[in-house]
C-alpha cells in the first residue's frame, strides 16, 4: 500500500529531479558556449597581440638605429619586444592551429621566425657598419612585416568566418533553449495539473462515495459497497467502512429478530396471563382438592388434579427461558393424561422416543400447541378409534419431533396459513378463540429465530387420512440462552 504522503514525496522528488536535470543541462551548455566564446576572443586577442608585438619589434629596432648607441636603453626595449613576440609565438600553434588553418598557421609561424631573424641580422649589420647588409636585411624584414600583416588579416578573416558559424550555432542553441524552456514549463504545468487531478480525484471520489453510502445508511439502506481502486489510506478507509456497514446491518437484523422474538414471547405470556386468575389461589385450591381426593381414596382424581396443577404451573412459567426437550415431553404427557381421563378409550396415545434426543434445547411451550391442535382438530370428534402418536429421534445434528394423528385432516389453505404462506385474518377459521392456529404460527417463528433457520416445521395432511407435523430442532449450546434472556 502506497500512502498519500509517499505519493506526494515521490511526485515532488521526481519534479525536483526533472527541473534539476534541465537546469544542469542548461548550465553545462552555457558553460560550453561561454568557453567557446572565450576561445574565439582569445584567438583574436592573440593575433592582435602578435601583430602589435611585431610592430613593437620594428619600432624598437628603428629607435636603436636612430640613436646609434648599442648600449642604450633602446636595445633593452628591442630585446623585450623580441621576447614578448617569442612568447606569443609559442602560443600560436596551441591556440590558433586547427584542421582548417594548419598550413596557414605554420607559414605564419615561419614568417615570425624569419622576421625576428632578419631584424637581428639587420641590427648586427648596423653595428658592424655594413650598410649594404643592413639595408638588405631591413628591406627583407619590412617585406616580412607586410606579409605578417596580410597573413594576420587572412587568419582574422578565417577566424571571423568560423566565429560566424559559432555565433549561428550559439544563436540556434539560444533559440532551442527558449523552446526548451517553454516546453519544460508547459510539460511541468501539464504534469502538475494531471497529478493534481489524479491525486485530488483519488481522495475526493472515495470521500464522495463514502458520503453517499453514509447518507444511504442514515436512511436505513445498508446495501451496496464502496469500491476504491487506489492503494492508499482511502482503500483502507473504504474497507473499514464496508466492514462497519456490514456489522451494523447484521446488528440491525439481530435486533429485529430479538424484537420479533420478544413480541412473540409477550404474546405467549399474554395468552398465559389471560388464564392466570389468581394463580396462587388456584394452585392452593388444586392442591387441597388433590389431598382431599387422596384422603377419600379417589386416587385417579388426585392424579388428575396433580396433572392439571403441573400443566398450569408449567404454562405460567416465564417465557424468556429455554428448556430441554424432555421438559416439553413431560408436560405433554401430563396433558395427554388429562385427555385420557376425559375421553377414556376413544383416543389411543402412543410414543416412540429416543432418550438421548431429549437433551436438545428449545423455547418453552413448543410441543403442547401441536399436540393440543392434533387432538382438538384431529381426533376429538371421533367416538372411537382416534389415534395420536408422538415420535422423537435423531437425524444427524438435528432432532426430529413428529406429531401424528389419524384425524379429519387439514385442507391445503389452512396448511398454508399454519406454515406462514398465507397471513391470518379476522375471518380466518383457524384464528378464532378456540383455535391453536396462531399459537402454532407463533411457535414456528420462535423456533426459526431460535435456531436461525427457516425449515423448522413441515405439515403433511390428507382429508380424512390424518395429519403429520414434523419439527426439525437443532442441537445448540447453552449460549443460545442469551437470546431469550436478553
Protein backbone atom coordinates (compact mmCIF):
# COMPACT_ATOMS: atom_id res chain seq x y z
CA UNK A 1 0.00 0.00 0.00
CA UNK A 2 1.38 3.38 -1.07
CA UNK A 3 0.46 6.07 1.42
CA UNK A 4 -0.73 9.51 0.34
CA UNK A 5 2.37 11.04 1.93
CA UNK A 6 4.58 8.72 -0.12
CA UNK A 7 2.75 9.69 -3.31
CA UNK A 8 3.40 13.36 -2.63
CA UNK A 9 7.05 12.71 -1.80
CA UNK A 10 7.54 10.66 -4.99
CA UNK A 11 5.88 13.31 -7.16
CA UNK A 12 7.79 16.25 -5.72
CA UNK A 13 11.06 14.28 -5.81
CA UNK A 14 10.52 13.45 -9.49
CA UNK A 15 9.54 17.08 -10.12
CA UNK A 16 12.71 18.37 -8.44
CA UNK A 17 14.90 15.81 -10.27
CA UNK A 18 13.36 16.79 -13.61
CA UNK A 19 13.86 20.51 -13.07
CA UNK A 20 17.34 19.96 -11.68
CA UNK A 21 18.29 17.87 -14.72
CA UNK A 22 17.06 20.59 -17.06
CA UNK A 23 18.90 23.30 -15.12
CA UNK A 24 22.12 21.25 -15.02
CA UNK A 25 21.89 20.63 -18.76
CA UNK A 26 21.35 24.34 -19.45
CA UNK A 27 24.15 25.28 -17.07
CA UNK A 28 26.66 22.90 -18.69
CA UNK A 29 25.67 24.02 -22.18
CA UNK A 30 26.03 27.69 -21.19
CA UNK A 31 29.46 26.94 -19.78
CA UNK A 32 30.46 25.27 -23.07
CA UNK A 33 29.17 28.22 -25.09
CA UNK A 34 30.99 30.68 -22.83
CA UNK A 35 34.17 28.61 -23.18
CA UNK A 36 33.81 28.61 -26.97
CA UNK A 37 33.20 32.35 -26.98
CA UNK A 38 36.25 32.92 -24.75
CA UNK A 39 38.40 30.79 -27.06
CA UNK A 40 37.33 32.85 -30.08
CA UNK A 41 38.09 36.11 -28.27
CA UNK A 42 41.40 34.73 -27.05
CA UNK A 43 42.39 33.85 -30.63
CA UNK A 44 41.50 37.36 -31.79
CA UNK A 45 43.46 38.87 -28.93
CA UNK A 46 46.45 36.63 -29.70
CA UNK A 47 46.51 37.62 -33.37
CA UNK A 48 46.23 41.25 -32.46
CA UNK A 49 48.98 40.96 -29.87
CA UNK A 50 51.26 39.11 -32.36
CA UNK A 51 50.86 41.84 -34.93
CA UNK A 52 51.31 44.51 -32.25
CA UNK A 53 54.45 42.81 -30.87
CA UNK A 54 55.91 42.54 -34.39
CA UNK A 55 55.26 46.25 -34.82
CA UNK A 56 56.90 46.96 -31.41
CA UNK A 57 59.96 44.97 -32.51
CA UNK A 58 60.22 47.06 -35.69
CA UNK A 59 59.77 50.34 -33.73
CA UNK A 60 62.39 49.35 -31.14
CA UNK A 61 64.82 48.45 -33.94
CA UNK A 62 64.28 51.84 -35.61
CA UNK A 63 64.81 53.67 -32.33
CA UNK A 64 68.02 51.78 -31.75
CA UNK A 65 69.30 52.60 -35.26
CA UNK A 66 68.36 56.27 -34.97
CA UNK A 67 70.23 56.71 -31.70
CA UNK A 68 73.17 54.67 -32.92
CA UNK A 69 74.11 53.55 -29.44
CA UNK A 70 74.36 49.81 -28.90
CA UNK A 71 74.27 50.02 -25.10
CA UNK A 72 71.42 52.39 -24.96
CA UNK A 73 68.05 51.72 -23.31
CA UNK A 74 66.59 51.17 -26.78
CA UNK A 75 68.47 47.88 -27.05
CA UNK A 76 66.73 46.64 -23.94
CA UNK A 77 63.41 47.70 -25.40
CA UNK A 78 64.19 45.75 -28.53
CA UNK A 79 65.13 42.65 -26.56
CA UNK A 80 61.94 42.99 -24.52
CA UNK A 81 59.81 43.29 -27.68
CA UNK A 82 61.57 40.24 -29.20
CA UNK A 83 60.93 38.24 -26.01
CA UNK A 84 57.24 39.16 -25.96
CA UNK A 85 56.89 38.25 -29.63
CA UNK A 86 58.63 34.94 -28.98
CA UNK A 87 56.30 34.15 -26.05
CA UNK A 88 53.24 34.89 -28.14
CA UNK A 89 54.66 32.75 -30.91
CA UNK A 90 54.81 29.76 -28.52
CA UNK A 91 51.03 30.10 -28.01
CA UNK A 92 50.35 30.36 -31.72
CA UNK A 93 50.22 26.65 -32.51
CA UNK A 94 48.38 25.66 -29.29
CA UNK A 95 45.65 28.29 -29.63
CA UNK A 96 45.22 29.08 -33.30
CA UNK A 97 46.07 25.94 -35.22
CA UNK A 98 43.28 23.56 -36.22
CA UNK A 99 42.47 21.23 -39.10
CA UNK A 100 41.33 24.09 -41.35
CA UNK A 101 44.26 26.51 -40.98
CA UNK A 102 47.18 24.25 -40.18
CA UNK A 103 49.23 25.24 -43.27
CA UNK A 104 48.40 28.91 -42.86
CA UNK A 105 49.40 28.93 -39.18
CA UNK A 106 52.64 27.07 -39.98
CA UNK A 107 53.51 29.72 -42.60
CA UNK A 108 52.56 32.42 -40.14
CA UNK A 109 54.83 30.89 -37.54
CA UNK A 110 57.71 30.62 -40.02
CA UNK A 111 57.23 34.25 -41.06
CA UNK A 112 57.56 35.37 -37.45
CA UNK A 113 60.75 33.31 -37.12
CA UNK A 114 62.09 34.87 -40.33
CA UNK A 115 61.07 38.32 -39.20
CA UNK A 116 62.92 38.00 -35.88
CA UNK A 117 65.95 36.57 -37.71
CA UNK A 118 66.03 39.39 -40.29
CA UNK A 119 65.59 42.06 -37.61
CA UNK A 120 68.51 40.66 -35.62
CA UNK A 121 70.68 40.42 -38.76
CA UNK A 122 69.76 43.98 -39.60
CA UNK A 123 70.92 45.22 -36.15
CA UNK A 124 74.12 43.15 -36.34
CA UNK A 125 74.92 44.60 -39.81
CA UNK A 126 74.16 48.06 -38.49
CA UNK A 127 76.53 47.60 -35.51
CA UNK A 128 79.28 46.34 -37.87
CA UNK A 129 78.80 49.33 -40.14
CA UNK A 130 77.86 47.14 -43.12
CA UNK A 131 75.31 49.44 -44.69
CA UNK A 132 74.51 47.22 -47.66
CA UNK A 133 73.78 44.23 -45.49
CA UNK A 134 71.83 46.42 -43.05
CA UNK A 135 69.57 47.79 -45.78
CA UNK A 136 69.12 44.39 -47.34
CA UNK A 137 68.03 42.81 -44.03
CA UNK A 138 65.93 45.87 -43.20
CA UNK A 139 64.15 45.65 -46.54
CA UNK A 140 63.60 41.93 -46.05
CA UNK A 141 62.20 42.44 -42.53
CA UNK A 142 59.84 45.12 -43.88
CA UNK A 143 58.52 42.78 -46.53
CA UNK A 144 58.12 40.07 -43.92
CA UNK A 145 56.23 42.55 -41.71
CA UNK A 146 53.87 43.23 -44.60
CA UNK A 147 53.39 39.52 -45.10
CA UNK A 148 52.73 39.09 -41.37
CA UNK A 149 50.11 41.84 -41.56
CA UNK A 150 48.44 40.27 -44.58
CA UNK A 151 48.53 36.80 -43.03
CA UNK A 152 47.18 38.19 -39.79
CA UNK A 153 44.27 39.70 -41.67
CA UNK A 154 43.76 36.43 -43.52
CA UNK A 155 43.72 34.44 -40.28
CA UNK A 156 41.43 37.02 -38.66
CA UNK A 157 39.09 36.77 -41.64
CA UNK A 158 39.14 32.97 -41.29
CA UNK A 159 38.50 33.29 -37.59
CA UNK A 160 35.61 35.66 -38.28
CA UNK A 161 34.17 33.10 -40.65
CA UNK A 162 34.49 30.43 -38.00
CA UNK A 163 33.12 32.82 -35.41
CA UNK A 164 30.12 33.46 -37.65
CA UNK A 165 29.45 29.74 -37.63
CA UNK A 166 29.93 29.65 -33.86
CA UNK A 167 27.64 32.65 -33.48
CA UNK A 168 24.99 30.98 -35.61
CA UNK A 169 25.38 27.82 -33.52
CA UNK A 170 25.06 29.85 -30.33
CA UNK A 171 22.02 31.65 -31.73
CA UNK A 172 20.40 28.35 -32.65
CA UNK A 173 21.15 26.98 -29.21
CA UNK A 174 19.69 30.06 -27.59
CA UNK A 175 16.58 29.63 -29.72
CA UNK A 176 16.43 25.96 -28.80
CA UNK A 177 16.86 26.89 -25.16
CA UNK A 178 13.88 29.20 -25.41
CA UNK A 179 11.82 26.43 -26.99
CA UNK A 180 13.14 24.01 -24.39
CA UNK A 181 12.19 26.39 -21.61
CA UNK A 182 8.67 26.78 -22.99
CA UNK A 183 8.40 23.02 -23.46
CA UNK A 184 9.68 22.24 -19.96
CA UNK A 185 7.41 24.85 -18.40
CA UNK A 186 4.39 23.59 -20.36
CA UNK A 187 5.23 19.95 -19.63
CA UNK A 188 5.70 20.61 -15.92
CA UNK A 189 2.46 22.61 -15.81
CA UNK A 190 0.55 19.84 -17.61
CA UNK A 191 2.09 17.14 -15.41
CA UNK A 192 1.24 19.13 -12.29
CA UNK A 193 -2.36 19.54 -13.45
CA UNK A 194 -2.63 15.84 -14.31
CA UNK A 195 -1.16 14.84 -10.96
CA UNK A 196 -3.36 17.33 -9.12
CA UNK A 197 -6.45 15.95 -10.87
CA UNK A 198 -5.42 12.34 -10.30
CA UNK A 199 -4.42 12.93 -6.70
CA UNK A 200 -7.49 15.00 -5.81
CA UNK A 201 -9.78 12.55 -7.63
CA UNK A 202 -8.19 9.68 -5.68
CA UNK A 203 -9.21 11.45 -2.46
CA UNK A 204 -12.44 13.26 -3.31
CA UNK A 205 -14.09 10.39 -5.23
CA UNK A 206 -13.80 7.88 -2.34
CA UNK A 207 -14.96 10.61 0.07
CA UNK A 208 -17.99 11.28 -2.14
CA UNK A 209 -18.74 7.55 -2.27
CA UNK A 210 -18.38 7.27 1.49
CA UNK A 211 -20.63 10.32 1.94
CA UNK A 212 -23.30 8.86 -0.34
CA UNK A 213 -23.06 5.50 1.43
CA UNK A 214 -23.32 7.24 4.82
CA UNK A 215 -26.45 9.07 3.63
CA UNK A 216 -27.96 5.77 2.49
CA UNK A 217 -27.15 4.20 5.85
CA UNK A 218 -28.78 7.17 7.62
CA UNK A 219 -31.96 6.39 5.62
CA UNK A 220 -31.78 2.73 6.64
CA UNK A 221 -30.33 1.33 3.40
CA UNK A 222 -27.38 -0.93 4.22
CA UNK A 223 -26.95 -2.46 0.76
CA UNK A 224 -24.06 -1.87 -1.67
CA UNK A 225 -20.36 -1.44 -1.06
CA UNK A 226 -17.86 1.40 -1.55
CA UNK A 227 -15.23 0.33 -4.09
CA UNK A 228 -11.90 2.21 -4.10
CA UNK A 229 -9.23 1.32 -6.67
CA UNK A 230 -6.38 3.25 -5.07
CA UNK A 231 -3.76 1.58 -2.89
CA UNK A 232 -3.54 4.12 -0.08
CA UNK A 233 -5.31 5.02 3.15
CA UNK A 234 -8.56 5.68 1.26
CA UNK A 235 -8.79 2.00 0.31
CA UNK A 236 -8.26 1.01 3.95
CA UNK A 237 -10.89 3.56 4.98
CA UNK A 238 -13.37 2.17 2.41
CA UNK A 239 -12.71 -1.40 3.56
CA UNK A 240 -13.21 -0.39 7.18
CA UNK A 241 -16.40 1.48 6.26
CA UNK A 242 -17.76 -1.57 4.39
CA UNK A 243 -16.99 -3.78 7.38
CA UNK A 244 -18.67 -1.29 9.70
CA UNK A 245 -21.77 -1.16 7.48
CA UNK A 246 -21.89 -4.95 7.31
CA UNK A 247 -21.61 -5.16 11.10
CA UNK A 248 -24.35 -2.54 11.52
CA UNK A 249 -26.57 -4.41 9.06
CA UNK A 250 -26.05 -7.68 10.93
CA UNK A 251 -26.66 -5.91 14.23
CA UNK A 252 -29.90 -4.37 12.93
CA UNK A 253 -31.05 -7.78 11.67
CA UNK A 254 -30.20 -9.31 15.04
CA UNK A 255 -32.03 -6.54 16.88
CA UNK A 256 -35.08 -7.02 14.64
CA UNK A 257 -35.00 -10.75 15.30
CA UNK A 258 -34.70 -10.19 19.03
CA UNK A 259 -37.53 -7.67 18.89
CA UNK A 260 -39.70 -10.09 16.95
CA UNK A 261 -38.83 -12.87 19.37
CA UNK A 262 -39.67 -10.61 22.31
CA UNK A 263 -43.01 -9.78 20.71
CA UNK A 264 -43.77 -13.46 20.24
CA UNK A 265 -42.79 -14.15 23.83
CA UNK A 266 -45.01 -11.30 25.01
CA UNK A 267 -47.91 -12.75 23.04
CA UNK A 268 -47.39 -16.14 24.63
CA UNK A 269 -47.10 -14.53 28.05
CA UNK A 270 -50.26 -12.57 27.38
CA UNK A 271 -52.08 -15.70 26.36
CA UNK A 272 -50.83 -17.39 29.51
CA UNK A 273 -51.79 -14.41 31.68
CA UNK A 274 -55.30 -14.44 30.29
CA UNK A 275 -55.75 -17.77 32.06
CA UNK A 276 -53.89 -16.64 35.17
CA UNK A 277 -56.67 -15.68 37.57
CA UNK A 278 -55.09 -15.51 40.99
CA UNK A 279 -52.67 -18.42 40.21
CA UNK A 280 -51.52 -18.90 43.79
CA UNK A 281 -55.09 -19.27 44.98
CA UNK A 282 -55.78 -21.66 42.10
CA UNK A 283 -52.71 -23.80 42.88
CA UNK A 284 -53.57 -23.92 46.60
CA UNK A 285 -57.15 -24.91 45.79
CA UNK A 286 -55.99 -27.64 43.39
CA UNK A 287 -53.57 -28.98 45.99
CA UNK A 288 -56.33 -29.03 48.57
CA UNK A 289 -58.65 -30.86 46.15
CA UNK A 290 -55.87 -33.38 45.39
CA UNK A 291 -55.27 -34.05 49.08
CA UNK A 292 -58.99 -34.44 49.78
CA UNK A 293 -59.36 -36.86 46.87
CA UNK A 294 -56.40 -38.89 48.13
CA UNK A 295 -57.87 -38.93 51.68
CA UNK A 296 -61.19 -40.09 50.23
CA UNK A 297 -59.31 -42.85 48.31
CA UNK A 298 -60.06 -41.22 44.93
CA UNK A 299 -56.53 -41.76 43.67
CA UNK A 300 -57.25 -41.21 39.96
CA UNK A 301 -58.95 -37.96 40.82
CA UNK A 302 -55.87 -36.97 42.83
CA UNK A 303 -53.60 -37.80 39.90
CA UNK A 304 -55.82 -35.81 37.55
CA UNK A 305 -55.67 -32.74 39.78
CA UNK A 306 -51.88 -33.09 40.08
CA UNK A 307 -51.57 -33.24 36.30
CA UNK A 308 -53.76 -30.15 35.89
CA UNK A 309 -51.70 -28.33 38.50
CA UNK A 310 -48.40 -29.31 36.85
CA UNK A 311 -49.71 -28.27 33.45
CA UNK A 312 -50.89 -24.88 34.69
CA UNK A 313 -47.69 -24.26 36.60
CA UNK A 314 -45.58 -25.00 33.51
CA UNK A 315 -47.74 -22.80 31.28
CA UNK A 316 -47.42 -19.90 33.71
CA UNK A 317 -43.62 -20.01 33.75
CA UNK A 318 -41.59 -17.10 32.39
CA UNK A 319 -41.32 -17.35 28.63
CA UNK A 320 -37.80 -15.94 28.34
CA UNK A 321 -36.02 -19.14 29.42
CA UNK A 322 -35.05 -22.19 27.41
CA UNK A 323 -35.87 -25.74 28.41
CA UNK A 324 -34.83 -29.22 27.45
CA UNK A 325 -36.93 -31.32 25.14
CA UNK A 326 -37.55 -33.77 28.00
CA UNK A 327 -39.35 -31.00 29.93
CA UNK A 328 -41.65 -30.43 26.96
CA UNK A 329 -42.26 -34.18 26.63
CA UNK A 330 -43.12 -34.47 30.34
CA UNK A 331 -45.64 -31.65 30.18
CA UNK A 332 -47.16 -33.17 27.01
CA UNK A 333 -47.58 -36.46 28.88
CA UNK A 334 -49.39 -34.59 31.65
CA UNK A 335 -51.67 -33.09 29.03
CA UNK A 336 -52.28 -36.48 27.45
CA UNK A 337 -53.04 -37.99 30.87
CA UNK A 338 -55.75 -35.39 31.38
CA UNK A 339 -57.18 -36.16 27.96
CA UNK A 340 -57.15 -39.92 28.61
CA UNK A 341 -59.06 -39.31 31.83
CA UNK A 342 -61.52 -37.25 29.85
CA UNK A 343 -62.08 -39.45 26.79
CA UNK A 344 -61.12 -42.83 28.17
CA UNK A 345 -60.73 -45.32 25.28
CA UNK A 346 -61.99 -43.08 22.48
CA UNK A 347 -58.40 -41.97 21.72
CA UNK A 348 -55.22 -44.04 21.86
CA UNK A 349 -51.95 -42.25 22.71
CA UNK A 350 -48.57 -43.82 21.75
CA UNK A 351 -45.00 -42.57 21.64
CA UNK A 352 -41.61 -43.64 20.27
CA UNK A 353 -38.91 -41.51 21.91
CA UNK A 354 -35.10 -41.78 21.81
CA UNK A 355 -33.81 -40.90 25.27
CA UNK A 356 -30.57 -39.28 24.08
CA UNK A 357 -32.52 -36.88 21.88
CA UNK A 358 -34.25 -35.33 24.90
CA UNK A 359 -31.24 -33.17 25.83
CA UNK A 360 -31.96 -30.84 22.91
CA UNK A 361 -32.64 -27.22 23.93
CA UNK A 362 -35.70 -25.28 22.72
CA UNK A 363 -38.06 -22.48 23.80
CA UNK A 364 -40.78 -23.45 26.29
CA UNK A 365 -44.37 -24.29 25.27
CA UNK A 366 -43.26 -25.69 21.92
CA UNK A 367 -44.76 -29.21 21.76
CA UNK A 368 -48.06 -28.71 23.64
CA UNK A 369 -49.70 -26.45 20.96
CA UNK A 370 -49.03 -29.10 18.27
CA UNK A 371 -50.33 -31.99 20.42
CA UNK A 372 -53.31 -29.93 21.50
CA UNK A 373 -54.04 -28.93 17.89
CA UNK A 374 -53.79 -32.58 16.76
CA UNK A 375 -56.22 -33.64 19.48
CA UNK A 376 -58.67 -30.77 19.20
CA UNK A 377 -58.90 -30.54 15.38
CA UNK A 378 -57.90 -34.12 14.55
CA UNK A 379 -59.37 -36.84 16.75
CA UNK A 380 -61.56 -35.15 19.35
CA UNK A 381 -64.65 -35.61 17.18
CA UNK A 382 -64.12 -39.40 16.90
CA UNK A 383 -66.43 -41.59 19.00
CA UNK A 384 -63.78 -44.30 18.93
CA UNK A 385 -60.61 -45.30 17.08
CA UNK A 386 -58.77 -41.99 17.44
CA UNK A 387 -55.01 -42.33 17.41
CA UNK A 388 -52.33 -39.85 18.43
CA UNK A 389 -48.62 -40.72 18.11
CA UNK A 390 -45.53 -38.78 19.27
CA UNK A 391 -42.12 -39.74 17.81
CA UNK A 392 -38.76 -38.16 18.70
CA UNK A 393 -35.50 -39.33 17.12
CA UNK A 394 -32.10 -38.04 16.00
CA UNK A 395 -31.19 -37.28 12.38
CA UNK A 396 -27.57 -36.15 12.04
CA UNK A 397 -27.17 -32.98 14.08
CA UNK A 398 -30.93 -32.49 14.17
CA UNK A 399 -33.64 -33.84 16.41
CA UNK A 400 -36.90 -34.69 14.67
CA UNK A 401 -40.23 -34.41 16.51
CA UNK A 402 -43.30 -35.87 14.78
CA UNK A 403 -46.87 -35.40 16.00
CA UNK A 404 -49.17 -37.73 14.03
CA UNK A 405 -52.92 -38.30 14.15
CA UNK A 406 -55.49 -40.18 12.11
CA UNK A 407 -57.99 -37.38 12.25
CA UNK A 408 -60.03 -35.49 9.68
CA UNK A 409 -57.01 -33.88 8.09
CA UNK A 410 -56.29 -30.26 7.17
CA UNK A 411 -57.20 -28.55 3.93
CA UNK A 412 -54.35 -27.01 1.83
CA UNK A 413 -55.40 -23.42 2.57
CA UNK A 414 -55.22 -24.00 6.30
CA UNK A 415 -51.83 -25.70 5.90
CA UNK A 416 -50.62 -22.63 4.02
CA UNK A 417 -51.83 -20.40 6.86
CA UNK A 418 -50.22 -22.58 9.51
CA UNK A 419 -46.95 -22.63 7.52
CA UNK A 420 -46.98 -18.85 7.18
CA UNK A 421 -47.53 -18.74 3.42
CA UNK A 422 -50.92 -17.01 3.89
CA UNK A 423 -51.45 -14.50 6.74
CA UNK A 424 -54.25 -14.91 9.28
CA UNK A 425 -57.17 -12.51 9.26
CA UNK A 426 -60.17 -11.94 11.47
CA UNK A 427 -62.30 -14.07 9.12
CA UNK A 428 -59.87 -16.99 9.20
CA UNK A 429 -61.49 -20.02 10.90
CA UNK A 430 -58.23 -21.12 12.48
CA UNK A 431 -57.85 -17.76 14.14
CA UNK A 432 -60.87 -17.95 16.44
CA UNK A 433 -60.62 -18.18 20.17
CA UNK A 434 -60.89 -21.97 20.20
CA UNK A 435 -58.05 -22.48 17.76
CA UNK A 436 -54.37 -23.07 18.19
CA UNK A 437 -53.54 -21.82 14.67
CA UNK A 438 -51.96 -18.55 15.79
CA UNK A 439 -50.13 -20.37 18.60
CA UNK A 440 -48.64 -22.78 16.04
CA UNK A 441 -47.54 -19.88 13.86
CA UNK A 442 -46.06 -18.24 16.94
CA UNK A 443 -44.13 -21.38 17.87
CA UNK A 444 -42.87 -21.79 14.31
CA UNK A 445 -41.49 -18.26 14.24
CA UNK A 446 -39.90 -18.62 17.68
CA UNK A 447 -38.14 -21.78 16.50
CA UNK A 448 -36.94 -20.04 13.32
CA UNK A 449 -35.44 -17.21 15.32
CA UNK A 450 -34.05 -19.52 17.98
CA UNK A 451 -32.28 -21.86 15.56
CA UNK A 452 -31.62 -19.25 12.83
CA UNK A 453 -33.15 -21.43 10.13
CA UNK A 454 -36.42 -21.50 8.23
CA UNK A 455 -37.03 -25.24 7.74
CA UNK A 456 -38.23 -25.93 11.30
CA UNK A 457 -41.74 -27.18 10.53
CA UNK A 458 -43.32 -29.40 7.89
CA UNK A 459 -47.04 -30.30 7.66
CA UNK A 460 -48.36 -33.27 5.69
CA UNK A 461 -52.08 -33.96 5.66
CA UNK A 462 -54.83 -35.60 3.62
CA UNK A 463 -58.53 -35.07 4.10
CA UNK A 464 -59.89 -37.99 6.14
CA UNK A 465 -56.49 -39.66 6.42
CA UNK A 466 -54.86 -37.71 9.24
CA UNK A 467 -52.07 -35.19 9.72
CA UNK A 468 -48.36 -35.37 10.47
CA UNK A 469 -46.49 -32.33 11.77
CA UNK A 470 -42.71 -32.65 11.75
CA UNK A 471 -40.48 -30.29 13.75
CA UNK A 472 -36.76 -30.09 12.96
CA UNK A 473 -34.78 -29.00 16.02
CA UNK A 474 -31.06 -28.26 16.05
CA UNK A 475 -28.71 -29.23 18.85
CA UNK A 476 -27.36 -25.92 20.25
CA UNK A 477 -25.12 -25.00 23.16
CA UNK A 478 -26.17 -23.12 26.24
CA UNK A 479 -25.05 -19.86 24.63
CA UNK A 480 -28.46 -19.73 22.93
CA UNK A 481 -29.94 -18.93 26.30
CA UNK A 482 -28.76 -15.37 25.82
CA UNK A 483 -31.30 -14.93 23.04
CA UNK A 484 -34.18 -15.46 25.41
CA UNK A 485 -32.59 -13.84 28.45
CA UNK A 486 -31.85 -10.61 26.54
